[in-house]
Amino acid sequence: MRTDILPLCDKHYRTMEPLLAPYSADRCIDFFRCTEKFCHRCFGERVGYVTPQRDLAPVLTTGQPECERHARPMFIISLDRQHNRVTFACPEPDCHERIVRT
């Protein structure tokens, strides 16, 4: 997992923090977790934005942008509240792909 990126939550637009959490008795997963109190949204480099539930496969969020070069879910890198724009970036190292949505 990359620790040099800081995704923003797709619900609260707050900075997410890296976390290692148990997924099941045999497996742990790396992801970023929203820092908003009581928010359970996470970003995983392979699955994108999800709300994980123990022992269940992640339910993927529809409409998440993917990098055209790497076919990986993109994360929110910035929010421009003045112009109501959200910028997504690819989690692949050295990839400069960006998508801006309004």
C-alpha atoms as a PDB file:
ATOM      1  CA  MET A   1       0.000   0.000   0.000  1.00  0.00           C
ATOM      2  CA  ARG A   2       1.238   3.450  -0.848  1.00  0.00           C
ATOM      3  CA  THR A   3       1.685   5.660   2.181  1.00  0.00           C
ATOM      4  CA  ASP A   4       2.675   8.757   0.201  1.00  0.00           C
ATOM      5  CA  ILE A   5      -0.895   9.489  -0.929  1.00  0.00           C
ATOM      6  CA  LEU A   6      -3.675  11.027   1.161  1.00  0.00           C
ATOM      7  CA  PRO A   7      -7.078  10.281  -0.369  1.00  0.00           C
ATOM      8  CA  LEU A   8     -10.107  12.320   0.613  1.00  0.00           C
ATOM      9  CA  CYS A   9     -13.315  10.592   1.710  1.00  0.00           C
ATOM     10  CA  ASP A  10     -15.895  10.475  -1.084  1.00  0.00           C
ATOM     11  CA  LYS A  11     -18.672  11.324   1.411  1.00  0.00           C
ATOM     12  CA  HIS A  12     -17.102  13.966   3.705  1.00  0.00           C
ATOM     13  CA  TYR A  13     -14.051  15.094   1.678  1.00  0.00           C
ATOM     14  CA  ARG A  14     -11.900  14.754   4.795  1.00  0.00           C
ATOM     15  CA  THR A  15      -8.349  13.408   4.681  1.00  0.00           C
ATOM     16  CA  MET A  16      -8.200   9.651   5.154  1.00  0.00           C
ATOM     17  CA  GLU A  17      -5.575   7.864   7.244  1.00  0.00           C
ATOM     18  CA  PRO A  18      -3.724   4.612   6.466  1.00  0.00           C
ATOM     19  CA  LEU A  19      -4.921   1.616   8.446  1.00  0.00           C
ATOM     20  CA  LEU A  20      -4.294  -2.129   8.654  1.00  0.00           C
ATOM     21  CA  ALA A  21      -7.414  -3.945   9.795  1.00  0.00           C
ATOM     22  CA  PRO A  22      -8.566  -7.517  10.234  1.00  0.00           C
ATOM     23  CA  TYR A  23     -10.860  -8.631   7.433  1.00  0.00           C
ATOM     24  CA  SER A  24     -11.350 -12.131   8.727  1.00  0.00           C
ATOM     25  CA  ALA A  25      -9.643 -14.496  11.167  1.00  0.00           C
ATOM     26  CA  ASP A  26      -7.011 -15.351   8.532  1.00  0.00           C
ATOM     27  CA  ARG A  27      -6.507 -12.126   6.643  1.00  0.00           C
ATOM     28  CA  CYS A  28      -5.851  -8.403   7.159  1.00  0.00           C
ATOM     29  CA  ILE A  29      -6.257  -5.658   4.584  1.00  0.00           C
ATOM     30  CA  ASP A  30      -4.500  -2.328   4.011  1.00  0.00           C
ATOM     31  CA  PHE A  31      -6.679   0.670   3.270  1.00  0.00           C
ATOM     32  CA  PHE A  32      -7.306   4.314   4.042  1.00  0.00           C
ATOM     33  CA  ARG A  33     -10.090   5.207   6.479  1.00  0.00           C
ATOM     34  CA  CYS A  34     -12.090   8.436   6.772  1.00  0.00           C
ATOM     35  CA  THR A  35     -11.204  10.536   9.808  1.00  0.00           C
ATOM     36  CA  GLU A  36     -14.775  11.830  10.256  1.00  0.00           C
ATOM     37  CA  LYS A  37     -16.313  10.505  13.477  1.00  0.00           C
ATOM     38  CA  PHE A  38     -18.606   7.498  12.837  1.00  0.00           C
ATOM     39  CA  CYS A  39     -17.779   7.359   9.107  1.00  0.00           C
ATOM     40  CA  HIS A  40     -16.838   3.888   7.907  1.00  0.00           C
ATOM     41  CA  ARG A  41     -15.849   4.783   4.346  1.00  0.00           C
ATOM     42  CA  CYS A  42     -12.533   3.416   3.165  1.00  0.00           C
ATOM     43  CA  PHE A  43     -10.385   3.582   0.065  1.00  0.00           C
ATOM     44  CA  GLY A  44      -8.468   0.515  -1.072  1.00  0.00           C
ATOM     45  CA  GLU A  45      -6.109   0.674  -4.037  1.00  0.00           C
ATOM     46  CA  ARG A  46      -7.673  -2.425  -5.586  1.00  0.00           C
ATOM     47  CA  VAL A  47     -11.356  -1.842  -4.805  1.00  0.00           C
ATOM     48  CA  GLY A  48     -11.705   1.939  -4.596  1.00  0.00           C
ATOM     49  CA  TYR A  49     -14.185   3.491  -2.169  1.00  0.00           C
ATOM     50  CA  VAL A  50     -16.115   0.976  -0.055  1.00  0.00           C
ATOM     51  CA  THR A  51     -17.760   0.553   3.320  1.00  0.00           C
ATOM     52  CA  PRO A  52     -16.260  -2.758   4.471  1.00  0.00           C
ATOM     53  CA  GLN A  53     -18.151  -5.276   6.554  1.00  0.00           C
ATOM     54  CA  ARG A  54     -16.404  -8.082   8.399  1.00  0.00           C
ATOM     55  CA  ASP A  55     -16.352 -11.443   6.563  1.00  0.00           C
ATOM     56  CA  LEU A  56     -18.187  -9.997   3.525  1.00  0.00           C
ATOM     57  CA  ALA A  57     -16.753  -9.194   0.125  1.00  0.00           C
ATOM     58  CA  PRO A  58     -16.544  -5.430  -0.503  1.00  0.00           C
ATOM     59  CA  VAL A  59     -19.462  -3.895  -2.363  1.00  0.00           C
ATOM     60  CA  LEU A  60     -17.962  -1.683  -5.042  1.00  0.00           C
ATOM     61  CA  THR A  61     -19.270   1.850  -5.470  1.00  0.00           C
ATOM     62  CA  THR A  62     -20.790   2.386  -8.909  1.00  0.00           C
ATOM     63  CA  GLY A  63     -19.560   5.309 -10.964  1.00  0.00           C
ATOM     64  CA  GLN A  64     -16.063   5.357  -9.493  1.00  0.00           C
ATOM     65  CA  PRO A  65     -13.580   6.644 -12.063  1.00  0.00           C
ATOM     66  CA  GLU A  66     -10.784   4.322 -13.178  1.00  0.00           C
ATOM     67  CA  CYS A  67      -7.403   5.164 -14.632  1.00  0.00           C
ATOM     68  CA  GLU A  68      -7.461   4.456 -18.367  1.00  0.00           C
ATOM     69  CA  ARG A  69      -3.791   3.412 -18.383  1.00  0.00           C
ATOM     70  CA  HIS A  70      -3.839   1.103 -15.341  1.00  0.00           C
ATOM     71  CA  ALA A  71      -7.540   0.164 -14.963  1.00  0.00           C
ATOM     72  CA  ARG A  72      -7.352   0.939 -11.246  1.00  0.00           C
ATOM     73  CA  PRO A  73      -9.894   2.856  -9.151  1.00  0.00           C
ATOM     74  CA  MET A  74      -8.915   6.489  -8.699  1.00  0.00           C
ATOM     75  CA  PHE A  75      -8.983   8.396  -5.413  1.00  0.00           C
ATOM     76  CA  ILE A  76     -10.048  11.966  -4.633  1.00  0.00           C
ATOM     77  CA  ILE A  77      -6.924  14.082  -4.407  1.00  0.00           C
ATOM     78  CA  SER A  78      -8.563  17.507  -4.068  1.00  0.00           C
ATOM     79  CA  LEU A  79     -11.839  19.389  -3.734  1.00  0.00           C
ATOM     80  CA  ASP A  80     -12.419  22.897  -5.064  1.00  0.00           C
ATOM     81  CA  ARG A  81     -15.510  24.046  -3.155  1.00  0.00           C
ATOM     82  CA  GLN A  82     -15.582  27.421  -4.888  1.00  0.00           C
ATOM     83  CA  HIS A  83     -16.049  25.828  -8.328  1.00  0.00           C
ATOM     84  CA  ASN A  84     -17.650  22.606  -7.047  1.00  0.00           C
ATOM     85  CA  ARG A  85     -14.929  20.421  -8.647  1.00  0.00           C
ATOM     86  CA  VAL A  86     -13.502  17.127  -7.434  1.00  0.00           C
ATOM     87  CA  THR A  87     -10.165  15.899  -8.822  1.00  0.00           C
ATOM     88  CA  PHE A  88      -9.393  12.177  -8.920  1.00  0.00           C
ATOM     89  CA  ALA A  89      -5.897  10.685  -9.296  1.00  0.00           C
ATOM     90  CA  CYS A  90      -4.529   7.227 -10.074  1.00  0.00           C
ATOM     91  CA  PRO A  91      -2.907   5.393  -7.122  1.00  0.00           C
ATOM     92  CA  GLU A  92      -0.251   3.870  -9.403  1.00  0.00           C
ATOM     93  CA  PRO A  93       3.214   5.348  -8.639  1.00  0.00           C
ATOM     94  CA  ASP A  94       4.418   7.861 -11.262  1.00  0.00           C
ATOM     95  CA  CYS A  95       1.013   8.000 -12.980  1.00  0.00           C
ATOM     96  CA  HIS A  96      -0.178  11.539 -13.647  1.00  0.00           C
ATOM     97  CA  GLU A  97      -3.688  10.694 -14.886  1.00  0.00           C
ATOM     98  CA  ARG A  98      -6.354  13.009 -13.464  1.00  0.00           C
ATOM     99  CA  ILE A  99     -10.125  13.271 -13.858  1.00  0.00           C
ATOM    100  CA  VAL A 100     -12.050  16.385 -12.826  1.00  0.00           C
ATOM    101  CA  ARG A 101     -15.770  16.096 -12.060  1.00  0.00           C
ATOM    102  CA  THR A 102     -18.231  18.846 -11.238  1.00  0.00           C
END
